[in-house]
N, C-alpha and C. Protein backbone atom coordinates (compact mmCIF):
# COMPACT_ATOMS: atom_id res chain seq x y z
N MET A 1 -96.34 -99.86 -259.11
CA MET A 1 -96.61 -98.54 -259.61
C MET A 1 -95.86 -98.36 -260.92
N LYS A 2 -96.53 -97.82 -261.92
CA LYS A 2 -95.93 -97.65 -263.24
C LYS A 2 -95.48 -96.20 -263.44
N SER A 3 -94.24 -96.01 -263.87
CA SER A 3 -93.72 -94.68 -264.14
C SER A 3 -94.26 -94.16 -265.47
N THR A 4 -94.62 -92.87 -265.49
CA THR A 4 -95.09 -92.25 -266.73
C THR A 4 -93.94 -91.62 -267.50
N GLY A 5 -92.81 -91.41 -266.81
CA GLY A 5 -91.67 -90.74 -267.45
C GLY A 5 -91.83 -89.23 -267.48
N ILE A 6 -92.89 -88.72 -266.88
CA ILE A 6 -93.15 -87.27 -266.86
C ILE A 6 -92.62 -86.71 -265.55
N ILE A 7 -91.87 -85.62 -265.63
CA ILE A 7 -91.34 -84.96 -264.44
C ILE A 7 -91.85 -83.52 -264.44
N ARG A 8 -92.39 -83.11 -263.30
CA ARG A 8 -92.90 -81.74 -263.16
C ARG A 8 -92.32 -81.14 -261.89
N GLY A 9 -92.06 -79.85 -261.92
CA GLY A 9 -91.59 -79.13 -260.74
C GLY A 9 -92.75 -78.58 -259.93
N VAL A 10 -92.43 -78.14 -258.74
CA VAL A 10 -93.41 -77.50 -257.85
C VAL A 10 -93.14 -76.00 -257.90
N ASP A 11 -94.22 -75.19 -258.05
CA ASP A 11 -94.01 -73.74 -258.13
C ASP A 11 -93.83 -73.15 -256.73
N HIS A 12 -93.62 -71.83 -256.66
CA HIS A 12 -93.32 -71.16 -255.39
C HIS A 12 -94.48 -71.22 -254.39
N LEU A 13 -95.69 -71.58 -254.83
CA LEU A 13 -96.84 -71.74 -253.93
C LEU A 13 -97.07 -73.21 -253.55
N GLY A 14 -96.19 -74.09 -254.02
CA GLY A 14 -96.30 -75.51 -253.69
C GLY A 14 -97.23 -76.28 -254.61
N ARG A 15 -97.61 -75.69 -255.73
CA ARG A 15 -98.53 -76.35 -256.66
C ARG A 15 -97.79 -77.22 -257.66
N LEU A 16 -98.45 -78.29 -258.04
CA LEU A 16 -97.93 -79.23 -259.01
C LEU A 16 -98.99 -79.41 -260.10
N VAL A 17 -98.59 -79.30 -261.35
CA VAL A 17 -99.52 -79.47 -262.46
C VAL A 17 -99.58 -80.93 -262.86
N ILE A 18 -100.79 -81.48 -262.90
CA ILE A 18 -100.98 -82.85 -263.39
C ILE A 18 -101.13 -82.75 -264.90
N PRO A 19 -100.26 -83.42 -265.66
CA PRO A 19 -100.29 -83.29 -267.12
C PRO A 19 -101.65 -83.64 -267.73
N LYS A 20 -101.96 -82.95 -268.81
CA LYS A 20 -103.25 -83.12 -269.52
C LYS A 20 -103.49 -84.58 -269.90
N GLU A 21 -102.44 -85.28 -270.35
CA GLU A 21 -102.60 -86.68 -270.77
C GLU A 21 -103.12 -87.54 -269.62
N ILE A 22 -102.61 -87.30 -268.42
CA ILE A 22 -103.04 -88.07 -267.25
C ILE A 22 -104.46 -87.67 -266.85
N ARG A 23 -104.76 -86.36 -266.86
CA ARG A 23 -106.12 -85.91 -266.51
C ARG A 23 -107.15 -86.48 -267.46
N THR A 24 -106.81 -86.54 -268.74
CA THR A 24 -107.73 -87.09 -269.73
C THR A 24 -107.94 -88.59 -269.51
N ARG A 25 -106.86 -89.30 -269.30
CA ARG A 25 -106.95 -90.76 -269.12
C ARG A 25 -107.77 -91.13 -267.89
N LEU A 26 -107.67 -90.33 -266.82
CA LEU A 26 -108.40 -90.61 -265.58
C LEU A 26 -109.74 -89.89 -265.50
N ASN A 27 -110.13 -89.21 -266.59
CA ASN A 27 -111.40 -88.48 -266.65
C ASN A 27 -111.50 -87.46 -265.50
N ILE A 28 -110.44 -86.69 -265.32
CA ILE A 28 -110.40 -85.65 -264.29
C ILE A 28 -110.86 -84.35 -264.93
N GLN A 29 -111.90 -83.76 -264.35
CA GLN A 29 -112.47 -82.54 -264.88
C GLN A 29 -111.98 -81.34 -264.08
N ASP A 30 -111.46 -80.33 -264.80
CA ASP A 30 -110.97 -79.11 -264.16
C ASP A 30 -112.08 -78.44 -263.36
N ASP A 31 -111.74 -77.94 -262.19
CA ASP A 31 -112.67 -77.23 -261.30
C ASP A 31 -113.85 -78.06 -260.84
N VAL A 32 -113.81 -79.39 -261.01
CA VAL A 32 -114.90 -80.28 -260.58
C VAL A 32 -114.37 -81.33 -259.63
N ASP A 33 -113.35 -82.06 -260.06
CA ASP A 33 -112.85 -83.19 -259.29
C ASP A 33 -111.88 -82.76 -258.19
N SER A 34 -111.82 -83.58 -257.14
CA SER A 34 -110.91 -83.36 -256.02
C SER A 34 -110.02 -84.59 -255.86
N PHE A 35 -108.97 -84.43 -255.07
CA PHE A 35 -108.03 -85.52 -254.83
C PHE A 35 -107.85 -85.76 -253.35
N GLU A 36 -107.62 -87.02 -253.00
CA GLU A 36 -107.17 -87.38 -251.67
C GLU A 36 -105.66 -87.48 -251.74
N ILE A 37 -104.98 -87.06 -250.68
CA ILE A 37 -103.53 -87.08 -250.65
C ILE A 37 -103.09 -88.02 -249.54
N PHE A 38 -102.24 -88.99 -249.89
CA PHE A 38 -101.73 -89.97 -248.95
C PHE A 38 -100.21 -89.91 -248.93
N MET A 39 -99.64 -90.34 -247.82
CA MET A 39 -98.19 -90.50 -247.74
C MET A 39 -97.90 -91.95 -247.41
N GLU A 40 -96.93 -92.51 -248.13
CA GLU A 40 -96.47 -93.87 -247.87
C GLU A 40 -94.95 -93.84 -247.92
N GLY A 41 -94.33 -93.91 -246.75
CA GLY A 41 -92.88 -93.77 -246.69
C GLY A 41 -92.48 -92.39 -247.18
N ASN A 42 -91.63 -92.35 -248.21
CA ASN A 42 -91.19 -91.09 -248.81
C ASN A 42 -92.00 -90.72 -250.05
N SER A 43 -93.12 -91.39 -250.27
CA SER A 43 -93.92 -91.15 -251.46
C SER A 43 -95.21 -90.39 -251.12
N VAL A 44 -95.62 -89.54 -252.04
CA VAL A 44 -96.91 -88.87 -251.95
C VAL A 44 -97.80 -89.50 -253.01
N ILE A 45 -98.99 -89.92 -252.61
CA ILE A 45 -99.91 -90.59 -253.53
C ILE A 45 -101.16 -89.75 -253.66
N LEU A 46 -101.53 -89.44 -254.90
CA LEU A 46 -102.77 -88.71 -255.19
C LEU A 46 -103.79 -89.69 -255.73
N ARG A 47 -105.02 -89.61 -255.23
CA ARG A 47 -106.09 -90.47 -255.74
C ARG A 47 -107.32 -89.61 -255.95
N LYS A 48 -107.95 -89.78 -257.10
CA LYS A 48 -109.17 -89.05 -257.39
C LYS A 48 -110.19 -89.36 -256.29
N TYR A 49 -110.75 -88.31 -255.70
CA TYR A 49 -111.67 -88.48 -254.57
C TYR A 49 -113.03 -88.97 -255.03
N GLU A 50 -113.50 -90.00 -254.37
CA GLU A 50 -114.87 -90.49 -254.55
C GLU A 50 -115.48 -90.60 -253.17
N PRO A 51 -116.61 -89.90 -252.94
CA PRO A 51 -117.24 -90.03 -251.62
C PRO A 51 -117.70 -91.45 -251.38
N THR A 52 -117.47 -91.96 -250.18
CA THR A 52 -117.88 -93.31 -249.83
C THR A 52 -118.76 -93.27 -248.59
N CYS A 53 -119.56 -94.29 -248.43
CA CYS A 53 -120.48 -94.42 -247.30
C CYS A 53 -119.69 -94.53 -245.99
N VAL A 54 -120.11 -93.78 -244.97
CA VAL A 54 -119.42 -93.82 -243.67
C VAL A 54 -119.63 -95.16 -242.98
N PHE A 55 -120.65 -95.90 -243.36
CA PHE A 55 -120.94 -97.18 -242.71
C PHE A 55 -120.26 -98.36 -243.38
N CYS A 56 -120.37 -98.47 -244.71
CA CYS A 56 -119.89 -99.68 -245.39
C CYS A 56 -118.73 -99.42 -246.36
N GLY A 57 -118.44 -98.15 -246.67
CA GLY A 57 -117.34 -97.83 -247.57
C GLY A 57 -117.70 -97.91 -249.05
N ASN A 58 -118.96 -98.19 -249.37
CA ASN A 58 -119.42 -98.29 -250.75
C ASN A 58 -119.40 -96.90 -251.41
N ALA A 59 -119.03 -96.84 -252.69
CA ALA A 59 -118.99 -95.56 -253.41
C ALA A 59 -120.17 -95.40 -254.36
N ASN A 60 -121.04 -96.40 -254.46
CA ASN A 60 -122.18 -96.34 -255.39
C ASN A 60 -123.43 -95.81 -254.70
N GLY A 61 -124.10 -94.86 -255.35
CA GLY A 61 -125.36 -94.34 -254.83
C GLY A 61 -125.22 -93.58 -253.52
N VAL A 62 -124.11 -92.87 -253.34
CA VAL A 62 -123.86 -92.15 -252.10
C VAL A 62 -124.51 -90.77 -252.15
N ILE A 63 -125.19 -90.41 -251.06
CA ILE A 63 -125.72 -89.06 -250.91
C ILE A 63 -125.17 -88.47 -249.63
N SER A 64 -125.15 -87.15 -249.55
CA SER A 64 -124.67 -86.48 -248.35
C SER A 64 -125.87 -86.15 -247.48
N PHE A 65 -125.80 -86.52 -246.20
CA PHE A 65 -126.86 -86.22 -245.24
C PHE A 65 -126.22 -85.65 -243.98
N ASN A 66 -126.54 -84.41 -243.67
CA ASN A 66 -125.96 -83.72 -242.51
C ASN A 66 -124.44 -83.80 -242.50
N GLY A 67 -123.83 -83.65 -243.67
CA GLY A 67 -122.38 -83.65 -243.78
C GLY A 67 -121.74 -85.03 -243.79
N LYS A 68 -122.54 -86.08 -243.79
CA LYS A 68 -122.02 -87.45 -243.82
C LYS A 68 -122.48 -88.13 -245.10
N ASN A 69 -121.62 -88.94 -245.70
CA ASN A 69 -121.95 -89.67 -246.91
C ASN A 69 -122.54 -91.03 -246.55
N VAL A 70 -123.73 -91.32 -247.09
CA VAL A 70 -124.43 -92.57 -246.80
C VAL A 70 -124.95 -93.14 -248.11
N CYS A 71 -124.76 -94.47 -248.31
CA CYS A 71 -125.24 -95.11 -249.54
C CYS A 71 -126.71 -95.51 -249.40
N GLN A 72 -127.34 -95.79 -250.54
CA GLN A 72 -128.76 -96.15 -250.57
C GLN A 72 -129.03 -97.42 -249.76
N LYS A 73 -128.14 -98.39 -249.84
CA LYS A 73 -128.32 -99.66 -249.12
C LYS A 73 -128.36 -99.42 -247.62
N CYS A 74 -127.43 -98.65 -247.10
CA CYS A 74 -127.39 -98.37 -245.67
C CYS A 74 -128.58 -97.52 -245.24
N ILE A 75 -129.05 -96.62 -246.09
CA ILE A 75 -130.26 -95.85 -245.77
C ILE A 75 -131.44 -96.78 -245.60
N ARG A 76 -131.60 -97.76 -246.50
CA ARG A 76 -132.69 -98.73 -246.38
C ARG A 76 -132.57 -99.54 -245.10
N GLU A 77 -131.36 -100.00 -244.80
CA GLU A 77 -131.15 -100.79 -243.58
C GLU A 77 -131.42 -99.98 -242.33
N LEU A 78 -131.00 -98.70 -242.34
CA LEU A 78 -131.27 -97.84 -241.19
C LEU A 78 -132.76 -97.57 -241.01
N SER A 79 -133.46 -97.36 -242.12
CA SER A 79 -134.89 -97.06 -242.02
C SER A 79 -135.66 -98.28 -241.49
N GLN A 80 -135.18 -99.49 -241.74
CA GLN A 80 -135.85 -100.70 -241.23
C GLN A 80 -135.64 -100.85 -239.73
N LYS A 81 -134.60 -100.27 -239.19
CA LYS A 81 -134.31 -100.38 -237.76
C LYS A 81 -135.07 -99.35 -236.93
N LEU A 82 -135.68 -98.38 -237.59
CA LEU A 82 -136.42 -97.33 -236.86
C LEU A 82 -137.80 -97.77 -236.47
């Protein structure tokens, strides 16, 4: 993991501001993108959320169906089994 040298505090509501330089570099759009939050030991890890297929974990060509994310490949495979 590479340090950015940037230190930010947490406000009274528990919010943390991600610096503009980092948001720009990761192509994070305000009010559009979401994050997944992980814990590893004493570390908190933020990762830009990308919906993945519930069957194969693929993030390409994913659509939501009845609240579940499914990729085009798995949709084709499922339709052949019907």
